[in-house]
N, C-alpha and C. Protein backbone atom coordinates (compact mmCIF):
# COMPACT_ATOMS: atom_id res chain seq x y z
N MET A 1 0.83 -1.17 0.00
CA MET A 1 0.00 0.00 0.00
C MET A 1 0.88 1.24 0.00
N LYS A 2 0.66 2.13 -0.93
CA LYS A 2 1.43 3.35 -1.04
C LYS A 2 0.71 4.47 -0.29
N VAL A 3 1.44 5.15 0.60
CA VAL A 3 0.88 6.26 1.34
C VAL A 3 1.58 7.53 0.89
N ASN A 4 0.80 8.53 0.54
CA ASN A 4 1.36 9.81 0.15
C ASN A 4 1.76 10.55 1.41
N CYS A 5 3.06 10.62 1.66
CA CYS A 5 3.59 11.18 2.89
C CYS A 5 4.62 12.24 2.54
N LYS A 6 4.66 13.30 3.28
CA LYS A 6 5.65 14.34 3.08
C LYS A 6 6.26 14.68 4.42
N ILE A 7 7.59 14.55 4.51
CA ILE A 7 8.33 14.96 5.69
C ILE A 7 8.82 16.37 5.42
N PHE A 8 8.55 17.26 6.33
CA PHE A 8 8.90 18.64 6.09
C PHE A 8 9.65 19.23 7.25
N PRO A 9 10.96 19.47 7.09
CA PRO A 9 11.72 20.14 8.15
C PRO A 9 11.55 21.65 8.01
N PHE A 10 10.83 22.28 8.92
CA PHE A 10 10.52 23.69 8.78
C PHE A 10 11.74 24.59 8.88
N GLN A 11 12.81 24.13 9.54
CA GLN A 11 13.97 25.00 9.65
C GLN A 11 14.55 25.31 8.27
N GLU A 12 14.43 24.40 7.33
CA GLU A 12 15.00 24.59 6.00
C GLU A 12 13.99 25.18 5.03
N ARG A 13 12.76 25.29 5.42
CA ARG A 13 11.64 25.88 4.69
C ARG A 13 11.30 25.20 3.38
N GLY A 14 12.23 24.84 2.52
CA GLY A 14 11.89 24.11 1.31
C GLY A 14 11.26 24.95 0.22
N ILE A 15 11.56 26.25 0.20
CA ILE A 15 11.05 27.10 -0.87
C ILE A 15 12.21 27.47 -1.79
N PHE A 16 11.87 27.99 -2.95
CA PHE A 16 12.88 28.48 -3.87
C PHE A 16 12.90 30.00 -3.73
N PRO A 17 13.89 30.55 -3.03
CA PRO A 17 13.86 31.97 -2.68
C PRO A 17 13.89 32.93 -3.87
N HIS A 18 14.46 32.52 -4.99
CA HIS A 18 14.56 33.43 -6.13
C HIS A 18 13.42 33.27 -7.13
N LEU A 19 12.48 32.39 -6.81
CA LEU A 19 11.27 32.28 -7.60
C LEU A 19 10.17 33.09 -6.91
N THR A 20 9.17 33.48 -7.65
CA THR A 20 8.04 34.19 -7.04
C THR A 20 7.20 33.20 -6.23
N VAL A 21 6.32 33.75 -5.44
CA VAL A 21 5.39 32.92 -4.66
C VAL A 21 4.59 32.04 -5.62
N GLU A 22 4.07 32.64 -6.67
CA GLU A 22 3.28 31.90 -7.65
C GLU A 22 4.10 30.80 -8.34
N GLU A 23 5.36 31.09 -8.67
CA GLU A 23 6.22 30.08 -9.30
C GLU A 23 6.53 28.93 -8.35
N ASN A 24 6.69 29.23 -7.07
CA ASN A 24 6.90 28.17 -6.07
C ASN A 24 5.70 27.23 -6.03
N LEU A 25 4.49 27.80 -6.04
CA LEU A 25 3.28 26.98 -6.03
C LEU A 25 3.16 26.17 -7.32
N ALA A 26 3.50 26.78 -8.44
CA ALA A 26 3.43 26.08 -9.74
C ALA A 26 4.42 24.92 -9.74
N PHE A 27 5.60 25.12 -9.19
CA PHE A 27 6.58 24.04 -9.12
C PHE A 27 6.05 22.89 -8.27
N ALA A 28 5.47 23.23 -7.13
CA ALA A 28 4.94 22.20 -6.22
C ALA A 28 3.82 21.39 -6.86
N GLY A 29 3.03 22.03 -7.73
CA GLY A 29 1.89 21.34 -8.33
C GLY A 29 2.09 20.97 -9.79
N MET A 30 3.35 20.93 -10.23
CA MET A 30 3.60 20.73 -11.67
C MET A 30 3.15 19.36 -12.19
N GLU A 31 2.98 18.39 -11.34
CA GLU A 31 2.54 17.07 -11.79
C GLU A 31 1.03 16.98 -11.96
N LEU A 32 0.32 17.99 -11.47
CA LEU A 32 -1.14 17.99 -11.57
C LEU A 32 -1.59 18.50 -12.94
N PRO A 33 -2.66 17.92 -13.48
CA PRO A 33 -3.25 18.50 -14.70
C PRO A 33 -3.68 19.95 -14.43
N LYS A 34 -3.71 20.80 -15.46
CA LYS A 34 -3.98 22.23 -15.29
C LYS A 34 -5.24 22.52 -14.48
N LYS A 35 -6.33 21.86 -14.83
CA LYS A 35 -7.60 22.12 -14.13
C LYS A 35 -7.48 21.72 -12.67
N GLU A 36 -6.92 20.55 -12.42
CA GLU A 36 -6.76 20.08 -11.05
C GLU A 36 -5.81 21.00 -10.27
N PHE A 37 -4.78 21.52 -10.94
CA PHE A 37 -3.85 22.45 -10.31
C PHE A 37 -4.58 23.71 -9.85
N ARG A 38 -5.41 24.28 -10.72
CA ARG A 38 -6.14 25.51 -10.36
C ARG A 38 -7.06 25.28 -9.17
N VAL A 39 -7.77 24.15 -9.18
CA VAL A 39 -8.68 23.83 -8.07
C VAL A 39 -7.89 23.63 -6.78
N ARG A 40 -6.83 22.87 -6.86
CA ARG A 40 -6.02 22.58 -5.68
C ARG A 40 -5.37 23.85 -5.13
N LYS A 41 -4.90 24.69 -6.03
CA LYS A 41 -4.28 25.95 -5.61
C LYS A 41 -5.29 26.80 -4.83
N GLU A 42 -6.53 26.85 -5.31
CA GLU A 42 -7.58 27.60 -4.59
C GLU A 42 -7.82 27.01 -3.21
N GLU A 43 -7.91 25.68 -3.13
CA GLU A 43 -8.15 25.01 -1.85
C GLU A 43 -7.03 25.32 -0.87
N VAL A 44 -5.80 25.13 -1.33
CA VAL A 44 -4.64 25.27 -0.45
C VAL A 44 -4.45 26.72 -0.01
N THR A 45 -4.52 27.64 -0.93
CA THR A 45 -4.25 29.03 -0.57
C THR A 45 -5.34 29.63 0.32
N SER A 46 -6.50 29.01 0.37
CA SER A 46 -7.58 29.53 1.23
C SER A 46 -7.23 29.45 2.72
N TYR A 47 -6.27 28.62 3.09
CA TYR A 47 -5.88 28.47 4.49
C TYR A 47 -4.98 29.59 5.00
N PHE A 48 -4.28 30.25 4.11
CA PHE A 48 -3.16 31.10 4.52
C PHE A 48 -3.42 32.59 4.30
N ASP A 49 -3.07 33.39 5.31
CA ASP A 49 -3.19 34.85 5.22
C ASP A 49 -2.38 35.41 4.06
N LEU A 50 -1.25 34.79 3.78
CA LEU A 50 -0.36 35.25 2.71
C LEU A 50 -1.11 35.42 1.39
N PHE A 51 -2.10 34.58 1.15
CA PHE A 51 -2.79 34.57 -0.14
C PHE A 51 -4.15 35.27 -0.10
N LYS A 52 -4.53 35.83 1.04
CA LYS A 52 -5.87 36.41 1.17
C LYS A 52 -6.09 37.61 0.26
N ASN A 53 -5.11 38.49 0.16
CA ASN A 53 -5.26 39.70 -0.63
C ASN A 53 -4.27 39.65 -1.79
N THR A 54 -4.67 39.03 -2.88
CA THR A 54 -3.75 38.87 -4.01
C THR A 54 -3.52 40.16 -4.78
N SER A 55 -4.30 41.20 -4.49
CA SER A 55 -4.08 42.48 -5.17
C SER A 55 -2.84 43.20 -4.65
N ASN A 56 -2.28 42.71 -3.54
CA ASN A 56 -1.11 43.38 -2.97
C ASN A 56 0.21 42.96 -3.64
N GLY A 57 0.14 42.14 -4.67
CA GLY A 57 1.34 41.76 -5.41
C GLY A 57 2.16 40.64 -4.80
N ARG A 58 1.68 40.05 -3.71
CA ARG A 58 2.44 38.99 -3.04
C ARG A 58 2.74 37.81 -3.97
N LEU A 59 1.82 37.43 -4.81
CA LEU A 59 2.04 36.27 -5.69
C LEU A 59 3.18 36.50 -6.66
N LYS A 60 3.43 37.75 -7.02
CA LYS A 60 4.49 38.08 -7.98
C LYS A 60 5.82 38.41 -7.29
N MET A 61 5.80 38.40 -5.96
CA MET A 61 6.99 38.74 -5.19
C MET A 61 7.95 37.55 -5.09
N GLU A 62 9.26 37.84 -5.14
CA GLU A 62 10.24 36.78 -4.90
C GLU A 62 10.07 36.28 -3.48
N ALA A 63 10.13 34.98 -3.31
CA ALA A 63 9.91 34.37 -2.00
C ALA A 63 10.92 34.83 -0.96
N SER A 64 12.11 35.23 -1.38
CA SER A 64 13.14 35.67 -0.44
C SER A 64 12.73 36.95 0.29
N TYR A 65 11.78 37.72 -0.26
CA TYR A 65 11.34 38.96 0.35
C TYR A 65 10.21 38.77 1.36
N LEU A 66 9.71 37.57 1.49
CA LEU A 66 8.65 37.29 2.46
C LEU A 66 9.23 37.23 3.86
N SER A 67 8.41 37.53 4.85
CA SER A 67 8.85 37.37 6.24
C SER A 67 9.00 35.88 6.54
N GLY A 68 9.60 35.57 7.68
CA GLY A 68 9.77 34.17 8.07
C GLY A 68 8.44 33.44 8.18
N GLY A 69 7.43 34.11 8.77
CA GLY A 69 6.11 33.51 8.89
C GLY A 69 5.47 33.28 7.54
N GLU A 70 5.65 34.22 6.63
CA GLU A 70 5.09 34.06 5.28
C GLU A 70 5.80 32.96 4.52
N GLN A 71 7.10 32.83 4.72
CA GLN A 71 7.83 31.73 4.08
C GLN A 71 7.35 30.38 4.60
N HIS A 72 7.03 30.31 5.89
CA HIS A 72 6.45 29.08 6.46
C HIS A 72 5.13 28.76 5.76
N GLN A 73 4.29 29.78 5.58
CA GLN A 73 3.00 29.58 4.92
C GLN A 73 3.19 29.07 3.50
N LEU A 74 4.11 29.69 2.77
CA LEU A 74 4.36 29.26 1.40
C LEU A 74 4.87 27.82 1.36
N ALA A 75 5.80 27.50 2.23
CA ALA A 75 6.36 26.15 2.25
C ALA A 75 5.28 25.11 2.54
N LEU A 76 4.43 25.40 3.50
CA LEU A 76 3.35 24.46 3.83
C LEU A 76 2.35 24.36 2.69
N ALA A 77 2.04 25.48 2.05
CA ALA A 77 1.15 25.46 0.89
C ALA A 77 1.73 24.59 -0.22
N MET A 78 3.04 24.67 -0.43
CA MET A 78 3.69 23.86 -1.47
C MET A 78 3.54 22.37 -1.16
N VAL A 79 3.72 22.02 0.10
CA VAL A 79 3.59 20.61 0.51
C VAL A 79 2.15 20.13 0.28
N LEU A 80 1.19 20.97 0.64
CA LEU A 80 -0.22 20.58 0.53
C LEU A 80 -0.70 20.41 -0.91
N MET A 81 -0.01 20.99 -1.86
CA MET A 81 -0.40 20.85 -3.27
C MET A 81 -0.47 19.38 -3.67
N LYS A 82 0.29 18.53 -3.02
CA LYS A 82 0.36 17.10 -3.35
C LYS A 82 -0.72 16.27 -2.66
N LYS A 83 -1.56 16.89 -1.84
CA LYS A 83 -2.61 16.19 -1.09
C LYS A 83 -2.06 15.03 -0.26
N PRO A 84 -1.11 15.30 0.62
CA PRO A 84 -0.56 14.19 1.42
C PRO A 84 -1.60 13.66 2.40
N LYS A 85 -1.52 12.40 2.71
CA LYS A 85 -2.38 11.79 3.72
C LYS A 85 -1.71 11.86 5.09
N LEU A 86 -0.37 11.90 5.08
CA LEU A 86 0.40 12.00 6.31
C LEU A 86 1.42 13.11 6.13
N LEU A 87 1.45 14.00 7.09
CA LEU A 87 2.38 15.12 7.06
C LEU A 87 3.22 15.03 8.32
N ILE A 88 4.53 14.97 8.17
CA ILE A 88 5.44 14.93 9.31
C ILE A 88 6.11 16.29 9.40
N LEU A 89 5.84 17.00 10.49
CA LEU A 89 6.36 18.35 10.66
C LEU A 89 7.41 18.37 11.75
N ASP A 90 8.58 18.86 11.42
CA ASP A 90 9.70 18.93 12.35
C ASP A 90 9.88 20.38 12.79
N GLU A 91 9.52 20.67 14.03
CA GLU A 91 9.67 21.99 14.62
C GLU A 91 9.00 23.10 13.80
N PRO A 92 7.72 23.00 13.52
CA PRO A 92 7.09 24.03 12.69
C PRO A 92 7.05 25.41 13.31
N SER A 93 7.18 25.53 14.63
CA SER A 93 7.12 26.85 15.25
C SER A 93 8.48 27.50 15.41
N ALA A 94 9.54 26.80 15.04
CA ALA A 94 10.89 27.33 15.21
C ALA A 94 11.06 28.65 14.45
N GLY A 95 11.52 29.67 15.17
CA GLY A 95 11.81 30.95 14.55
C GLY A 95 10.62 31.84 14.29
N LEU A 96 9.43 31.42 14.70
CA LEU A 96 8.24 32.24 14.46
C LEU A 96 7.89 33.08 15.68
N SER A 97 7.29 34.23 15.42
CA SER A 97 6.78 35.07 16.51
C SER A 97 5.60 34.36 17.17
N PRO A 98 5.27 34.70 18.41
CA PRO A 98 4.13 34.05 19.07
C PRO A 98 2.83 34.15 18.27
N GLY A 99 2.59 35.28 17.64
CA GLY A 99 1.38 35.43 16.81
C GLY A 99 1.38 34.49 15.63
N ASN A 100 2.55 34.33 14.98
CA ASN A 100 2.64 33.41 13.85
C ASN A 100 2.54 31.96 14.28
N VAL A 101 3.03 31.65 15.49
CA VAL A 101 2.90 30.29 16.02
C VAL A 101 1.42 29.97 16.22
N LYS A 102 0.70 30.91 16.83
CA LYS A 102 -0.74 30.71 17.06
C LYS A 102 -1.46 30.51 15.74
N ARG A 103 -1.17 31.34 14.76
CA ARG A 103 -1.82 31.24 13.44
C ARG A 103 -1.46 29.93 12.76
N LEU A 104 -0.20 29.51 12.87
CA LEU A 104 0.23 28.24 12.26
C LEU A 104 -0.59 27.08 12.82
N TYR A 105 -0.79 27.05 14.14
CA TYR A 105 -1.54 25.95 14.73
C TYR A 105 -3.03 26.02 14.40
N GLU A 106 -3.56 27.22 14.21
CA GLU A 106 -4.94 27.34 13.73
C GLU A 106 -5.05 26.73 12.33
N ILE A 107 -4.08 27.03 11.48
CA ILE A 107 -4.07 26.49 10.11
C ILE A 107 -3.95 24.97 10.14
N LEU A 108 -3.02 24.47 10.95
CA LEU A 108 -2.82 23.02 11.02
C LEU A 108 -4.08 22.31 11.52
N GLY A 109 -4.74 22.88 12.50
CA GLY A 109 -5.98 22.28 13.01
C GLY A 109 -7.06 22.25 11.95
N LYS A 110 -7.20 23.34 11.21
CA LYS A 110 -8.20 23.41 10.15
C LYS A 110 -7.87 22.40 9.04
N MET A 111 -6.59 22.33 8.67
CA MET A 111 -6.18 21.38 7.63
C MET A 111 -6.43 19.94 8.07
N LYS A 112 -6.09 19.67 9.31
CA LYS A 112 -6.28 18.31 9.85
C LYS A 112 -7.74 17.89 9.71
N ASP A 113 -8.64 18.81 10.03
CA ASP A 113 -10.07 18.51 9.97
C ASP A 113 -10.60 18.49 8.54
N GLU A 114 -10.31 19.52 7.77
CA GLU A 114 -10.89 19.65 6.43
C GLU A 114 -10.20 18.77 5.39
N GLU A 115 -8.89 18.66 5.46
CA GLU A 115 -8.15 17.86 4.48
C GLU A 115 -8.06 16.39 4.90
N ARG A 116 -8.40 16.14 6.17
CA ARG A 116 -8.32 14.79 6.72
C ARG A 116 -6.90 14.24 6.62
N ILE A 117 -5.96 15.07 7.03
CA ILE A 117 -4.54 14.73 7.02
C ILE A 117 -4.15 14.26 8.42
N SER A 118 -3.39 13.19 8.48
CA SER A 118 -2.77 12.79 9.74
C SER A 118 -1.47 13.56 9.84
N ILE A 119 -1.19 14.09 11.02
CA ILE A 119 0.01 14.90 11.21
C ILE A 119 0.82 14.35 12.37
N LEU A 120 2.07 14.03 12.08
CA LEU A 120 3.03 13.66 13.11
C LEU A 120 3.86 14.90 13.36
N LEU A 121 3.79 15.39 14.57
CA LEU A 121 4.39 16.67 14.90
C LEU A 121 5.56 16.47 15.86
N ILE A 122 6.71 16.97 15.48
CA ILE A 122 7.89 16.96 16.35
C ILE A 122 8.04 18.42 16.79
N GLU A 123 7.82 18.67 18.07
CA GLU A 123 7.70 20.06 18.51
C GLU A 123 8.16 20.23 19.94
N GLN A 124 8.90 21.31 20.21
CA GLN A 124 9.29 21.65 21.57
C GLN A 124 8.25 22.51 22.26
N ASN A 125 7.42 23.16 21.49
CA ASN A 125 6.38 24.04 22.04
C ASN A 125 5.21 23.16 22.49
N VAL A 126 5.33 22.61 23.69
CA VAL A 126 4.40 21.60 24.18
C VAL A 126 2.98 22.15 24.33
N LYS A 127 2.84 23.40 24.74
CA LYS A 127 1.49 23.94 24.96
C LYS A 127 0.70 24.03 23.66
N PHE A 128 1.33 24.46 22.58
CA PHE A 128 0.62 24.50 21.30
C PHE A 128 0.38 23.10 20.77
N ALA A 129 1.36 22.24 20.93
CA ALA A 129 1.22 20.87 20.44
C ALA A 129 0.07 20.16 21.16
N ASP A 130 -0.09 20.43 22.44
CA ASP A 130 -1.16 19.80 23.22
C ASP A 130 -2.54 20.19 22.70
N ARG A 131 -2.73 21.45 22.32
CA ARG A 131 -4.02 21.91 21.81
C ARG A 131 -4.38 21.26 20.48
N PHE A 132 -3.37 20.83 19.78
CA PHE A 132 -3.52 20.34 18.42
C PHE A 132 -3.55 18.81 18.34
N SER A 133 -3.00 18.16 19.33
CA SER A 133 -2.71 16.73 19.23
C SER A 133 -3.78 15.83 19.83
N ASN A 134 -3.84 14.62 19.27
CA ASN A 134 -4.67 13.58 19.84
C ASN A 134 -3.91 12.82 20.92
N ARG A 135 -2.59 12.77 20.75
CA ARG A 135 -1.75 12.01 21.68
C ARG A 135 -0.36 12.64 21.70
N ILE A 136 0.27 12.65 22.89
CA ILE A 136 1.62 13.19 23.04
C ILE A 136 2.54 12.09 23.54
N SER A 137 3.69 11.98 22.87
CA SER A 137 4.77 11.11 23.33
C SER A 137 5.96 12.01 23.61
N LEU A 138 6.72 11.68 24.62
CA LEU A 138 7.85 12.51 25.02
C LEU A 138 9.15 11.79 24.71
N LEU A 139 9.97 12.46 23.93
CA LEU A 139 11.31 11.95 23.61
C LEU A 139 12.33 12.82 24.31
N GLN A 140 13.37 12.18 24.82
CA GLN A 140 14.47 12.92 25.42
C GLN A 140 15.76 12.27 24.96
N GLU A 141 16.60 13.07 24.32
CA GLU A 141 17.86 12.58 23.76
C GLU A 141 17.63 11.37 22.86
N GLY A 142 16.56 11.44 22.07
CA GLY A 142 16.26 10.41 21.09
C GLY A 142 15.61 9.15 21.64
N LYS A 143 15.31 9.13 22.92
CA LYS A 143 14.70 7.95 23.53
C LYS A 143 13.30 8.27 24.03
N LEU A 144 12.39 7.32 23.82
CA LEU A 144 11.02 7.48 24.27
C LEU A 144 10.98 7.44 25.80
N GLN A 145 10.51 8.54 26.39
CA GLN A 145 10.42 8.64 27.85
C GLN A 145 9.02 8.35 28.36
N ALA A 146 8.03 8.75 27.56
CA ALA A 146 6.64 8.54 27.97
C ALA A 146 5.77 8.55 26.72
N ASN A 147 4.73 7.74 26.75
CA ASN A 147 3.82 7.64 25.61
C ASN A 147 2.40 7.94 26.09
N ASP A 148 1.68 8.69 25.27
CA ASP A 148 0.29 9.05 25.56
C ASP A 148 0.17 9.74 26.92
N VAL A 149 0.94 10.82 27.08
CA VAL A 149 0.95 11.57 28.33
C VAL A 149 0.18 12.88 28.17
N SER A 150 -0.19 13.46 29.27
CA SER A 150 -0.91 14.74 29.24
C SER A 150 0.09 15.88 29.43
N LEU A 151 -0.36 17.05 29.06
CA LEU A 151 0.46 18.25 29.26
C LEU A 151 0.77 18.44 30.74
N GLU A 152 -0.20 18.16 31.59
CA GLU A 152 0.00 18.30 33.03
C GLU A 152 1.12 17.38 33.53
N GLU A 153 1.14 16.14 33.04
CA GLU A 153 2.20 15.21 33.43
C GLU A 153 3.57 15.70 33.00
N ILE A 154 3.65 16.23 31.79
CA ILE A 154 4.93 16.74 31.28
C ILE A 154 5.38 17.94 32.10
N GLU A 155 4.46 18.88 32.34
CA GLU A 155 4.82 20.07 33.12
C GLU A 155 5.26 19.70 34.53
N LYS A 156 4.56 18.77 35.15
CA LYS A 156 4.89 18.36 36.52
C LYS A 156 6.28 17.71 36.58
N LYS A 157 6.56 16.84 35.63
CA LYS A 157 7.82 16.09 35.66
C LYS A 157 9.01 16.91 35.18
N TYR A 158 8.81 17.78 34.19
CA TYR A 158 9.95 18.43 33.55
C TYR A 158 10.07 19.93 33.79
N PHE A 159 8.98 20.60 34.18
CA PHE A 159 9.05 22.05 34.30
C PHE A 159 8.83 22.57 35.71
N ASN A 160 8.29 21.79 36.61
CA ASN A 160 8.11 22.21 38.01
C ASN A 160 9.16 21.53 38.86
N ASN A 161 10.03 22.30 39.43
CA ASN A 161 11.10 21.72 40.25
C ASN A 161 10.74 21.73 41.71
């Protein structure tokens, strides 16, 4: 059985900085037939603030000129063009402002529900991960320390001295 899975390390973003936002999306969806590409592009871009006001020229802008949060949005939009069933996210909140972290998790929650995507999240921001997750496992130095734990258990054991 083949599963459409995409592993995405957010620290590296995975965008082409010297291409425009629109060209990055076109590259991500180049295997799709034209009609399917247009439909998918509409679906995917509806999740992200970056694409809400296309009259501002953002689609024609080189991706290198986007803020870090906007580059995260573009990178995630590129991944979603392929309609993955499983998305593995490595530190998606790394380097983002608190407002962008909150918005990212709102987007991920909406995608999880509407796109019916399973998401494996590797994240140090336990409070945001808890709001988003069905189950939390705790790794420390690459070893499983606890499986199916609550935020309260993690805070008690690791953050309250």
